[in-house]
């Protein structure tokens, strides 16, 4: 189902589709993740504790945004809803060195975990619905990517 552009007049839906990045006809999750990068860059200037507060607030907001857009579309976790990708990427890239290699690796790891959905992500994706269900699989994909990235950094 294609998301009507008229829906973007509502700020709730505009945010949930990543300012329109989720409207990409192919790979909307990847385009949404790309759109999250400039916002992530801005977060780098926050102290870590404030960054975590922003993550928590973005998650809570995302539960509402994603749930509202899914309800408006009548489709659970429509591919165009990408606010969850924003938050997942921000988790994956928390405290990574500001270097293109680490940023790209974090991006790729997050997308891989989001697509592969290893346990328990796949179970939660199938069984948990609403805005929380839309958000939680990407949050866990972000946590998995974060853990792998931090392990690789420590080993480097």
Protein backbone atom coordinates (compact mmCIF):
# COMPACT_ATOMS: atom_id res chain seq x y z
CA UNK A 1 0.00 0.00 0.00
CA UNK A 2 1.34 3.38 -1.01
CA UNK A 3 1.28 6.14 1.61
CA UNK A 4 -0.75 9.11 0.38
CA UNK A 5 1.36 12.28 0.23
CA UNK A 6 -1.56 14.17 1.79
CA UNK A 7 -0.86 12.28 5.02
CA UNK A 8 2.39 14.25 5.32
CA UNK A 9 0.46 17.41 6.16
CA UNK A 10 0.03 15.94 9.62
CA UNK A 11 3.28 16.36 11.64
CA UNK A 12 2.72 13.00 13.37
CA UNK A 13 2.79 11.16 10.05
CA UNK A 14 5.55 13.37 8.65
CA UNK A 15 7.79 12.33 11.54
CA UNK A 16 6.82 8.66 11.41
CA UNK A 17 7.77 8.45 7.73
CA UNK A 18 11.10 10.13 8.42
CA UNK A 19 10.28 13.47 6.78
CA UNK A 20 9.30 11.59 3.62
CA UNK A 21 12.32 9.26 3.46
CA UNK A 22 10.01 6.32 4.10
CA UNK A 23 8.17 7.07 0.86
CA UNK A 24 11.07 5.70 -1.20
CA UNK A 25 9.63 3.06 -3.57
CA UNK A 26 12.48 0.63 -2.88
CA UNK A 27 14.23 0.00 0.46
CA UNK A 28 12.35 2.61 2.52
CA UNK A 29 14.00 1.32 5.71
CA UNK A 30 17.43 1.97 4.27
CA UNK A 31 16.41 5.43 3.06
CA UNK A 32 14.94 6.13 6.49
CA UNK A 33 18.20 5.06 8.11
CA UNK A 34 20.14 7.37 5.79
CA UNK A 35 17.78 10.22 6.71
CA UNK A 36 18.53 9.57 10.40
CA UNK A 37 22.25 10.25 9.96
CA UNK A 38 22.17 14.09 10.02
CA UNK A 39 20.10 14.00 13.20
CA UNK A 40 22.56 11.51 14.70
CA UNK A 41 25.38 13.91 13.86
CA UNK A 42 23.61 16.62 15.85
CA UNK A 43 23.27 14.26 18.81
CA UNK A 44 27.05 13.84 18.93
CA UNK A 45 27.40 17.20 20.62
CA UNK A 46 25.37 16.08 23.63
CA UNK A 47 26.92 14.56 26.75
CA UNK A 48 26.27 10.79 26.83
CA UNK A 49 23.63 11.08 29.57
CA UNK A 50 21.64 13.60 27.51
CA UNK A 51 22.02 11.40 24.43
CA UNK A 52 20.43 8.53 26.38
CA UNK A 53 17.60 10.82 27.49
CA UNK A 54 17.00 11.77 23.85
CA UNK A 55 16.96 8.05 22.92
CA UNK A 56 14.35 7.32 25.59
CA UNK A 57 12.20 10.28 24.56
CA UNK A 58 12.55 9.38 20.86
CA UNK A 59 11.47 5.82 21.67
CA UNK A 60 8.42 6.93 23.65
CA UNK A 61 7.50 9.45 20.95
CA UNK A 62 8.05 6.75 18.34
CA UNK A 63 5.60 4.38 20.01
CA UNK A 64 2.95 7.07 19.59
CA UNK A 65 4.00 8.23 16.10
CA UNK A 66 4.33 4.77 14.59
CA UNK A 67 1.13 3.54 16.20
CA UNK A 68 -0.84 6.56 14.97
CA UNK A 69 0.42 6.21 11.39
CA UNK A 70 -0.16 2.44 11.36
CA UNK A 71 -3.73 3.08 12.55
CA UNK A 72 -4.27 5.79 9.93
CA UNK A 73 -3.01 3.45 7.19
CA UNK A 74 -4.75 0.39 8.57
CA UNK A 75 -1.49 -1.56 8.18
CA UNK A 76 0.75 -2.75 11.03
CA UNK A 77 4.38 -1.75 10.50
CA UNK A 78 4.02 -0.39 6.98
CA UNK A 79 7.46 -0.23 5.34
CA UNK A 80 7.17 3.53 5.00
CA UNK A 81 7.07 4.01 8.77
CA UNK A 82 10.74 4.65 9.50
CA UNK A 83 10.90 6.56 12.79
CA UNK A 84 11.88 3.20 14.29
CA UNK A 85 14.90 3.15 11.97
CA UNK A 86 15.91 6.59 13.22
CA UNK A 87 15.93 5.44 16.84
CA UNK A 88 17.54 2.08 16.05
CA UNK A 89 20.42 3.74 14.21
CA UNK A 90 20.91 6.28 16.99
CA UNK A 91 21.24 3.38 19.42
CA UNK A 92 23.67 1.52 17.15
CA UNK A 93 25.90 4.57 16.77
CA UNK A 94 25.91 5.61 20.43
CA UNK A 95 29.47 6.54 21.47
CA UNK A 96 31.13 5.37 18.25
CA UNK A 97 34.21 7.23 17.07
CA UNK A 98 33.41 10.07 14.68
CA UNK A 99 35.05 8.33 11.73
CA UNK A 100 33.43 7.24 8.47
CA UNK A 101 34.56 3.63 8.94
CA UNK A 102 32.81 3.24 12.30
CA UNK A 103 29.72 5.13 11.14
CA UNK A 104 29.42 3.01 7.98
CA UNK A 105 30.01 -0.21 9.92
CA UNK A 106 27.33 0.77 12.45
CA UNK A 107 24.93 1.61 9.64
CA UNK A 108 25.50 -1.74 7.92
CA UNK A 109 25.28 -3.75 11.16
CA UNK A 110 22.04 -2.04 12.11
CA UNK A 111 20.48 -2.67 8.69
CA UNK A 112 21.62 -6.32 8.74
CA UNK A 113 20.16 -6.99 12.19
CA UNK A 114 16.98 -5.14 11.24
CA UNK A 115 16.57 -7.24 8.09
CA UNK A 116 17.72 -10.61 9.51
CA UNK A 117 15.79 -10.22 12.77
CA UNK A 118 17.73 -12.74 14.90
CA UNK A 119 16.10 -14.10 18.06
CA UNK A 120 14.22 -12.58 19.87
CA UNK A 121 13.69 -9.78 17.35
CA UNK A 122 11.74 -11.98 14.92
CA UNK A 123 9.50 -13.28 17.71
CA UNK A 124 8.75 -9.79 19.00
CA UNK A 125 8.17 -8.51 15.47
CA UNK A 126 5.55 -11.22 14.92
CA UNK A 127 3.83 -11.12 18.32
CA UNK A 128 3.96 -7.52 19.56
CA UNK A 129 1.69 -5.07 17.77
CA UNK A 130 0.92 -1.38 17.81
CA UNK A 131 3.47 1.38 18.09
CA UNK A 132 5.49 -0.53 20.68
CA UNK A 133 5.72 -3.53 18.37
CA UNK A 134 6.87 -1.35 15.48
CA UNK A 135 9.57 0.25 17.62
CA UNK A 136 10.90 -2.70 19.64
CA UNK A 137 12.38 -4.76 16.80
CA UNK A 138 14.45 -1.82 15.56
CA UNK A 139 15.50 -0.91 19.09
CA UNK A 140 16.81 -4.45 19.57
CA UNK A 141 18.48 -4.42 16.14
CA UNK A 142 20.15 -1.18 17.26
CA UNK A 143 21.25 -2.78 20.54
CA UNK A 144 22.69 -5.80 18.71
CA UNK A 145 24.55 -3.54 16.28
CA UNK A 146 25.78 -1.38 19.17
CA UNK A 147 27.15 -4.41 21.04
CA UNK A 148 28.96 -5.79 17.99
CA UNK A 149 30.32 -2.36 17.11
CA UNK A 150 31.61 -1.75 20.65
CA UNK A 151 33.20 -5.21 20.73
CA UNK A 152 34.94 -4.53 17.42
CA UNK A 153 36.12 -1.16 18.69
CA UNK A 154 37.56 -2.64 21.89
CA UNK A 155 39.33 -5.33 19.86
CA UNK A 156 40.81 -2.82 17.39
